[in-house]
Each structure stands twice: as C-alpha cells, then as structure tokens.
C-alpha cells in the first residue's frame, strides 16, 4: 500500500513525521508522502523541514518517505503561482485541497488546481463534469479518500472519472493513527464506492506510477 496524502505536526496532524512513518509502516504501508497544509505563508518552512527529514531518514526507515504539500484554502487565482513555488522549492508532489462538501472551499479551486497541473486533486467533492474531463487531459489524479466526511462524494468522483478516463488514486488523508486504514478496509471502502477489482488495481498502479516518478527524480 502507498498513501500519498498525510499530515504531520507541521500542519494539523497528531504526529511528528518519524512517528507517522513508523505507524504507517506498522499498518502495512510501503510508502507514504507527507503533504501538510500549505499556503504562501508556510510553504517554505514546511518543505525545508520535510525534505531534510525525508533525506536524512530514508536510509533508516522500513518505509519509503516523500515530501510534498497540500495547498489548502488558497484563492484560486493564486494557486498556479503557489504550485510553481512549491515545485521550485523541491516538493516531490503537490496536492490541492479540493472542493469537499464538508468545508467552505472557494468555488473554482478544483479547476485552478487542474489547470496548474498538480499531481493530485484531493477530495474534489461534487466536481464538475468538465473539470473531470480536464483532469484526464492534464494527467491530474483525482482522489478517492477513506477520510470521513470527505468520502461522502467518492461515488460521484468515481462515476465521472469512469466516464472520462480520469486517473484515480486512493488516499487516507491521515491526520491521526486511526486514519491509517489497513489493507482490507482500504479495499472495502473502494469497493463500497463502486470500484471494480480492476479499477481498484488501476488506482493502486497510479500511486505506484507517481512513486516511480519521484524515485526517478531523486531528492
């Protein structure tokens, strides 16, 4: 299992990165990405520290570690600039906090994130059909999430992604230990969303492809 969306004490998670990595490994994960909530005020601080930790700890952990950010509640007009800044700062992957129905995310965030070419649009809520088609065109992965609340629109995301050939990934959006669901529960949530076995396998492969790209680029 790979999780490309987690949070540490660098934003609103419960654990320092080392403890989150250890707990994820014990839960059966082979690789995780730290993707703390970021805007223009803290993106440099987060990435400077996470990238150093990932570099220093990689030889000693039994789990692959990656450092990225989840751009969160950034005004849509400013998303392209911040995506570029995060990548220039060395982010190994960039997520945007999509228009989940359980938080007051600004309208237009999904579209701006896809246009900016993020790696993953997290919990995109009731995403518009045209934006799902655009995600397929721009090679942006849409997230099926195991996280409560955000997961309420997983079926909508899956249905439109299936229609338009958009790529999907499955993530926990983990903030605490109990968010790191095991292999069986992860698949049950995906199947409960409506995924076929083949679609589930493809979503897992999409995460592997992102990991392979990160490995090829190095730190």
C-alpha atoms as a PDB file:
ATOM      1  CA  UNK A   1       0.000   0.000   0.000  1.00  0.00           C
ATOM      2  CA  UNK A   2       1.016   3.569  -0.748  1.00  0.00           C
ATOM      3  CA  UNK A   3      -0.507   6.706   0.782  1.00  0.00           C
ATOM      4  CA  UNK A   4       0.203   9.976  -0.996  1.00  0.00           C
ATOM      5  CA  UNK A   5      -1.740  12.264   1.368  1.00  0.00           C
ATOM      6  CA  UNK A   6      -0.882  12.551   5.078  1.00  0.00           C
ATOM      7  CA  UNK A   7      -0.452  15.300   7.667  1.00  0.00           C
ATOM      8  CA  UNK A   8       2.037  15.812  10.488  1.00  0.00           C
ATOM      9  CA  UNK A   9       2.524  18.406  13.226  1.00  0.00           C
ATOM     10  CA  UNK A  10       3.783  20.740  10.514  1.00  0.00           C
ATOM     11  CA  UNK A  11       0.081  21.429   9.930  1.00  0.00           C
ATOM     12  CA  UNK A  12      -2.812  19.758  11.758  1.00  0.00           C
ATOM     13  CA  UNK A  13      -1.636  16.163  12.162  1.00  0.00           C
ATOM     14  CA  UNK A  14      -1.064  14.441  15.504  1.00  0.00           C
ATOM     15  CA  UNK A  15       2.438  13.100  14.905  1.00  0.00           C
ATOM     16  CA  UNK A  16       5.921  14.252  14.028  1.00  0.00           C
ATOM     17  CA  UNK A  17       6.970  12.770  10.664  1.00  0.00           C
ATOM     18  CA  UNK A  18       9.088   9.969  12.173  1.00  0.00           C
ATOM     19  CA  UNK A  19       6.207   8.671  14.283  1.00  0.00           C
ATOM     20  CA  UNK A  20       3.718   8.911  11.436  1.00  0.00           C
ATOM     21  CA  UNK A  21       6.128   6.966   9.226  1.00  0.00           C
ATOM     22  CA  UNK A  22       6.524   4.276  11.867  1.00  0.00           C
ATOM     23  CA  UNK A  23       2.779   3.950  12.437  1.00  0.00           C
ATOM     24  CA  UNK A  24       2.145   3.762   8.695  1.00  0.00           C
ATOM     25  CA  UNK A  25       4.750   1.040   8.313  1.00  0.00           C
ATOM     26  CA  UNK A  26       3.183  -0.984  11.134  1.00  0.00           C
ATOM     27  CA  UNK A  27      -0.203  -0.548   9.417  1.00  0.00           C
ATOM     28  CA  UNK A  28       1.197  -2.167   6.273  1.00  0.00           C
ATOM     29  CA  UNK A  29       2.212   0.798   4.142  1.00  0.00           C
ATOM     30  CA  UNK A  30       5.313   0.540   1.970  1.00  0.00           C
ATOM     31  CA  UNK A  31       5.490   4.251   1.134  1.00  0.00           C
ATOM     32  CA  UNK A  32       3.875   7.480   2.332  1.00  0.00           C
ATOM     33  CA  UNK A  33       4.028  11.133   1.394  1.00  0.00           C
ATOM     34  CA  UNK A  34       3.937  13.896   3.982  1.00  0.00           C
ATOM     35  CA  UNK A  35       1.690  16.564   2.451  1.00  0.00           C
ATOM     36  CA  UNK A  36       0.978  19.162   5.092  1.00  0.00           C
ATOM     37  CA  UNK A  37      -1.472  22.005   4.559  1.00  0.00           C
ATOM     38  CA  UNK A  38       0.280  24.964   2.984  1.00  0.00           C
ATOM     39  CA  UNK A  39      -0.308  28.454   1.675  1.00  0.00           C
ATOM     40  CA  UNK A  40       2.119  31.237   0.783  1.00  0.00           C
ATOM     41  CA  UNK A  41       2.866  31.894   4.464  1.00  0.00           C
ATOM     42  CA  UNK A  42       4.307  28.484   5.363  1.00  0.00           C
ATOM     43  CA  UNK A  43       5.179  26.540   2.208  1.00  0.00           C
ATOM     44  CA  UNK A  44       8.908  27.254   2.504  1.00  0.00           C
ATOM     45  CA  UNK A  45       9.011  26.269   6.175  1.00  0.00           C
ATOM     46  CA  UNK A  46       7.165  23.001   5.594  1.00  0.00           C
ATOM     47  CA  UNK A  47       9.195  21.898   2.617  1.00  0.00           C
ATOM     48  CA  UNK A  48      12.568  22.898   4.062  1.00  0.00           C
ATOM     49  CA  UNK A  49      11.961  20.712   7.102  1.00  0.00           C
ATOM     50  CA  UNK A  50      10.148  17.806   5.469  1.00  0.00           C
ATOM     51  CA  UNK A  51      12.652  17.473   2.638  1.00  0.00           C
ATOM     52  CA  UNK A  52      15.532  17.372   5.110  1.00  0.00           C
ATOM     53  CA  UNK A  53      13.769  14.764   7.243  1.00  0.00           C
ATOM     54  CA  UNK A  54      12.952  12.579   4.232  1.00  0.00           C
ATOM     55  CA  UNK A  55      16.555  12.797   3.048  1.00  0.00           C
ATOM     56  CA  UNK A  56      18.081  12.065   6.461  1.00  0.00           C
ATOM     57  CA  UNK A  57      15.698   9.249   7.466  1.00  0.00           C
ATOM     58  CA  UNK A  58      15.327   7.405   4.164  1.00  0.00           C
ATOM     59  CA  UNK A  59      18.263   5.068   4.798  1.00  0.00           C
ATOM     60  CA  UNK A  60      16.982   4.039   8.212  1.00  0.00           C
ATOM     61  CA  UNK A  61      13.225   3.590   7.749  1.00  0.00           C
ATOM     62  CA  UNK A  62      11.466   0.439   6.560  1.00  0.00           C
ATOM     63  CA  UNK A  63       9.115   2.580   4.507  1.00  0.00           C
ATOM     64  CA  UNK A  64       9.720   4.959   1.597  1.00  0.00           C
ATOM     65  CA  UNK A  65       9.163   8.592   2.508  1.00  0.00           C
ATOM     66  CA  UNK A  66       8.220  11.521   0.289  1.00  0.00           C
ATOM     67  CA  UNK A  67       7.805  15.224   0.974  1.00  0.00           C
ATOM     68  CA  UNK A  68       5.116  17.363  -0.579  1.00  0.00           C
ATOM     69  CA  UNK A  69       2.367  19.807   0.324  1.00  0.00           C
ATOM     70  CA  UNK A  70      -1.395  20.088   0.130  1.00  0.00           C
ATOM     71  CA  UNK A  71      -2.215  23.651  -0.895  1.00  0.00           C
ATOM     72  CA  UNK A  72      -5.240  24.485   1.219  1.00  0.00           C
ATOM     73  CA  UNK A  73      -7.825  27.292   1.005  1.00  0.00           C
ATOM     74  CA  UNK A  74      -5.560  29.217  -1.354  1.00  0.00           C
ATOM     75  CA  UNK A  75      -7.574  31.650  -3.500  1.00  0.00           C
ATOM     76  CA  UNK A  76      -7.953  30.028  -6.923  1.00  0.00           C
ATOM     77  CA  UNK A  77      -6.220  32.909  -8.710  1.00  0.00           C
ATOM     78  CA  UNK A  78      -3.097  32.324  -6.585  1.00  0.00           C
ATOM     79  CA  UNK A  79      -2.937  28.541  -6.989  1.00  0.00           C
ATOM     80  CA  UNK A  80      -0.785  28.490 -10.163  1.00  0.00           C
ATOM     81  CA  UNK A  81       1.878  30.676  -8.539  1.00  0.00           C
ATOM     82  CA  UNK A  82       1.979  28.549  -5.402  1.00  0.00           C
ATOM     83  CA  UNK A  83       2.123  25.265  -7.322  1.00  0.00           C
ATOM     84  CA  UNK A  84       5.158  26.580  -9.192  1.00  0.00           C
ATOM     85  CA  UNK A  85       6.742  27.874  -5.987  1.00  0.00           C
ATOM     86  CA  UNK A  86       6.278  24.530  -4.222  1.00  0.00           C
ATOM     87  CA  UNK A  87       7.865  22.667  -7.108  1.00  0.00           C
ATOM     88  CA  UNK A  88      10.741  25.163  -7.253  1.00  0.00           C
ATOM     89  CA  UNK A  89      11.279  24.566  -3.526  1.00  0.00           C
ATOM     90  CA  UNK A  90      11.683  20.853  -4.204  1.00  0.00           C
ATOM     91  CA  UNK A  91       8.246  19.418  -3.423  1.00  0.00           C
ATOM     92  CA  UNK A  92       8.203  15.846  -4.673  1.00  0.00           C
ATOM     93  CA  UNK A  93       4.469  16.047  -5.220  1.00  0.00           C
ATOM     94  CA  UNK A  94       1.864  18.777  -4.954  1.00  0.00           C
ATOM     95  CA  UNK A  95      -1.758  18.275  -3.947  1.00  0.00           C
ATOM     96  CA  UNK A  96      -4.543  20.819  -3.757  1.00  0.00           C
ATOM     97  CA  UNK A  97      -7.294  20.610  -1.136  1.00  0.00           C
ATOM     98  CA  UNK A  98     -10.294  20.190  -3.405  1.00  0.00           C
ATOM     99  CA  UNK A  99     -13.876  21.390  -3.056  1.00  0.00           C
ATOM    100  CA  UNK A 100     -15.041  18.889  -0.447  1.00  0.00           C
ATOM    101  CA  UNK A 101     -18.648  19.356   0.601  1.00  0.00           C
ATOM    102  CA  UNK A 102     -17.734  19.419   4.304  1.00  0.00           C
ATOM    103  CA  UNK A 103     -15.512  22.528   4.217  1.00  0.00           C
ATOM    104  CA  UNK A 104     -16.017  26.023   2.752  1.00  0.00           C
ATOM    105  CA  UNK A 105     -13.504  25.701  -0.084  1.00  0.00           C
ATOM    106  CA  UNK A 106     -13.664  28.519  -2.639  1.00  0.00           C
ATOM    107  CA  UNK A 107     -15.508  27.761  -5.853  1.00  0.00           C
ATOM    108  CA  UNK A 108     -13.061  27.426  -8.725  1.00  0.00           C
ATOM    109  CA  UNK A 109     -10.396  25.674  -6.638  1.00  0.00           C
ATOM    110  CA  UNK A 110     -10.786  22.359  -8.469  1.00  0.00           C
ATOM    111  CA  UNK A 111     -10.468  23.990 -11.874  1.00  0.00           C
ATOM    112  CA  UNK A 112      -7.476  26.129 -10.891  1.00  0.00           C
ATOM    113  CA  UNK A 113      -5.656  23.134  -9.426  1.00  0.00           C
ATOM    114  CA  UNK A 114      -6.165  21.027 -12.542  1.00  0.00           C
ATOM    115  CA  UNK A 115      -5.096  23.854 -14.836  1.00  0.00           C
ATOM    116  CA  UNK A 116      -1.962  24.310 -12.714  1.00  0.00           C
ATOM    117  CA  UNK A 117      -1.029  20.665 -13.255  1.00  0.00           C
ATOM    118  CA  UNK A 118      -0.987  19.397  -9.679  1.00  0.00           C
ATOM    119  CA  UNK A 119      -0.210  15.736  -9.079  1.00  0.00           C
ATOM    120  CA  UNK A 120      -3.399  15.011  -7.136  1.00  0.00           C
ATOM    121  CA  UNK A 121      -6.632  16.905  -6.587  1.00  0.00           C
ATOM    122  CA  UNK A 122      -7.639  15.785  -3.094  1.00  0.00           C
ATOM    123  CA  UNK A 123     -11.275  15.057  -2.169  1.00  0.00           C
ATOM    124  CA  UNK A 124     -12.738  17.119  -5.046  1.00  0.00           C
ATOM    125  CA  UNK A 125     -16.317  16.920  -3.805  1.00  0.00           C
ATOM    126  CA  UNK A 126     -19.061  17.395  -6.396  1.00  0.00           C
ATOM    127  CA  UNK A 127     -16.507  18.132  -9.088  1.00  0.00           C
ATOM    128  CA  UNK A 128     -17.908  19.417 -12.388  1.00  0.00           C
ATOM    129  CA  UNK A 129     -18.001  17.120 -15.400  1.00  0.00           C
ATOM    130  CA  UNK A 130     -15.820  19.464 -17.446  1.00  0.00           C
ATOM    131  CA  UNK A 131     -13.171  19.502 -14.734  1.00  0.00           C
ATOM    132  CA  UNK A 132     -13.072  15.699 -14.602  1.00  0.00           C
ATOM    133  CA  UNK A 133     -12.531  15.652 -18.362  1.00  0.00           C
ATOM    134  CA  UNK A 134      -9.836  18.310 -17.966  1.00  0.00           C
ATOM    135  CA  UNK A 135      -8.127  16.217 -15.269  1.00  0.00           C
ATOM    136  CA  UNK A 136      -7.909  13.341 -17.744  1.00  0.00           C
ATOM    137  CA  UNK A 137      -6.391  15.674 -20.344  1.00  0.00           C
ATOM    138  CA  UNK A 138      -3.894  17.206 -17.886  1.00  0.00           C
ATOM    139  CA  UNK A 139      -2.936  13.863 -16.290  1.00  0.00           C
ATOM    140  CA  UNK A 140      -4.077  15.037 -12.839  1.00  0.00           C
ATOM    141  CA  UNK A 141      -5.131  12.244 -10.486  1.00  0.00           C
ATOM    142  CA  UNK A 142      -8.424  12.588  -8.628  1.00  0.00           C
ATOM    143  CA  UNK A 143      -8.576  11.260  -5.096  1.00  0.00           C
ATOM    144  CA  UNK A 144     -10.854   8.602  -3.674  1.00  0.00           C
ATOM    145  CA  UNK A 145     -10.499   9.211   0.042  1.00  0.00           C
ATOM    146  CA  UNK A 146     -11.010   6.992   3.051  1.00  0.00           C
ATOM    147  CA  UNK A 147     -11.436  10.017   5.311  1.00  0.00           C
ATOM    148  CA  UNK A 148     -14.817  10.554   6.935  1.00  0.00           C
ATOM    149  CA  UNK A 149     -16.814  13.469   5.577  1.00  0.00           C
ATOM    150  CA  UNK A 150     -14.632  13.935   2.526  1.00  0.00           C
ATOM    151  CA  UNK A 151     -15.559  10.410   1.416  1.00  0.00           C
ATOM    152  CA  UNK A 152     -19.242  11.272   1.006  1.00  0.00           C
ATOM    153  CA  UNK A 153     -18.724  12.222  -2.644  1.00  0.00           C
ATOM    154  CA  UNK A 154     -16.415   9.353  -3.626  1.00  0.00           C
ATOM    155  CA  UNK A 155     -19.183   7.778  -5.715  1.00  0.00           C
ATOM    156  CA  UNK A 156     -19.664  10.970  -7.718  1.00  0.00           C
ATOM    157  CA  UNK A 157     -15.931  11.267  -8.369  1.00  0.00           C
ATOM    158  CA  UNK A 158     -15.694   7.622  -9.452  1.00  0.00           C
ATOM    159  CA  UNK A 159     -18.698   7.808 -11.764  1.00  0.00           C
ATOM    160  CA  UNK A 160     -17.385  10.834 -13.659  1.00  0.00           C
ATOM    161  CA  UNK A 161     -13.794   9.575 -13.693  1.00  0.00           C
ATOM    162  CA  UNK A 162     -15.016   6.325 -15.238  1.00  0.00           C
ATOM    163  CA  UNK A 163     -16.907   8.239 -17.922  1.00  0.00           C
ATOM    164  CA  UNK A 164     -13.972  10.479 -18.865  1.00  0.00           C
ATOM    165  CA  UNK A 165     -10.981   8.212 -18.287  1.00  0.00           C
ATOM    166  CA  UNK A 166      -9.560  10.277 -15.432  1.00  0.00           C
ATOM    167  CA  UNK A 167      -6.920   8.703 -13.221  1.00  0.00           C
ATOM    168  CA  UNK A 168      -7.769   7.902  -9.608  1.00  0.00           C
ATOM    169  CA  UNK A 169      -5.683   7.312  -6.503  1.00  0.00           C
ATOM    170  CA  UNK A 170      -6.785   6.128  -3.059  1.00  0.00           C
ATOM    171  CA  UNK A 171      -5.514   8.046  -0.033  1.00  0.00           C
ATOM    172  CA  UNK A 172      -6.230   8.248   3.695  1.00  0.00           C
ATOM    173  CA  UNK A 173      -5.687  11.979   4.247  1.00  0.00           C
ATOM    174  CA  UNK A 174      -4.348  10.741   7.594  1.00  0.00           C
ATOM    175  CA  UNK A 175      -4.182  13.197  10.477  1.00  0.00           C
ATOM    176  CA  UNK A 176      -4.131  10.626  13.292  1.00  0.00           C
ATOM    177  CA  UNK A 177      -3.230   6.985  13.829  1.00  0.00           C
ATOM    178  CA  UNK A 178      -6.773   5.722  13.372  1.00  0.00           C
ATOM    179  CA  UNK A 179      -6.872   7.284   9.898  1.00  0.00           C
ATOM    180  CA  UNK A 180      -4.287   4.811   8.585  1.00  0.00           C
ATOM    181  CA  UNK A 181      -6.723   2.149   7.435  1.00  0.00           C
ATOM    182  CA  UNK A 182      -5.403  -1.341   6.800  1.00  0.00           C
ATOM    183  CA  UNK A 183      -5.349  -3.198   3.500  1.00  0.00           C
ATOM    184  CA  UNK A 184      -8.732  -4.895   3.939  1.00  0.00           C
ATOM    185  CA  UNK A 185     -10.579  -1.740   4.974  1.00  0.00           C
ATOM    186  CA  UNK A 186      -8.900   0.271   2.214  1.00  0.00           C
ATOM    187  CA  UNK A 187     -10.260  -2.111  -0.396  1.00  0.00           C
ATOM    188  CA  UNK A 188     -13.687  -2.347   1.244  1.00  0.00           C
ATOM    189  CA  UNK A 189     -14.029   1.443   1.072  1.00  0.00           C
ATOM    190  CA  UNK A 190     -13.025   1.401  -2.601  1.00  0.00           C
ATOM    191  CA  UNK A 191     -15.460  -1.397  -3.451  1.00  0.00           C
ATOM    192  CA  UNK A 192     -18.164   0.334  -1.400  1.00  0.00           C
ATOM    193  CA  UNK A 193     -17.585   3.422  -3.527  1.00  0.00           C
ATOM    194  CA  UNK A 194     -18.415   1.306  -6.555  1.00  0.00           C
ATOM    195  CA  UNK A 195     -14.961   0.414  -7.805  1.00  0.00           C
ATOM    196  CA  UNK A 196     -14.452  -2.847  -9.622  1.00  0.00           C
ATOM    197  CA  UNK A 197     -11.460  -5.005  -8.777  1.00  0.00           C
ATOM    198  CA  UNK A 198      -9.781  -3.811 -11.960  1.00  0.00           C
ATOM    199  CA  UNK A 199     -10.425  -0.169 -11.133  1.00  0.00           C
ATOM    200  CA  UNK A 200      -9.041  -0.680  -7.648  1.00  0.00           C
ATOM    201  CA  UNK A 201      -5.884  -2.265  -9.073  1.00  0.00           C
ATOM    202  CA  UNK A 202      -5.503   0.595 -11.539  1.00  0.00           C
ATOM    203  CA  UNK A 203      -5.835   3.195  -8.772  1.00  0.00           C
ATOM    204  CA  UNK A 204      -3.090   1.401  -6.844  1.00  0.00           C
ATOM    205  CA  UNK A 205      -0.965   1.366 -10.004  1.00  0.00           C
ATOM    206  CA  UNK A 206      -1.490   5.106 -10.443  1.00  0.00           C
ATOM    207  CA  UNK A 207       0.011   5.656  -6.978  1.00  0.00           C
ATOM    208  CA  UNK A 208       2.907   3.378  -7.899  1.00  0.00           C
ATOM    209  CA  UNK A 209       3.467   5.441 -11.050  1.00  0.00           C
ATOM    210  CA  UNK A 210       3.731   8.634  -9.003  1.00  0.00           C
ATOM    211  CA  UNK A 211       6.180   6.909  -6.663  1.00  0.00           C
ATOM    212  CA  UNK A 212       8.227   5.709  -9.633  1.00  0.00           C
ATOM    213  CA  UNK A 213       8.386   9.247 -10.999  1.00  0.00           C
ATOM    214  CA  UNK A 214       9.567  10.560  -7.642  1.00  0.00           C
ATOM    215  CA  UNK A 215      12.213   7.829  -7.389  1.00  0.00           C
ATOM    216  CA  UNK A 216      13.498   8.679 -10.849  1.00  0.00           C
ATOM    217  CA  UNK A 217      13.857  12.352  -9.946  1.00  0.00           C
ATOM    218  CA  UNK A 218      15.561  11.737  -6.596  1.00  0.00           C
ATOM    219  CA  UNK A 219      15.894  14.331  -3.851  1.00  0.00           C
END
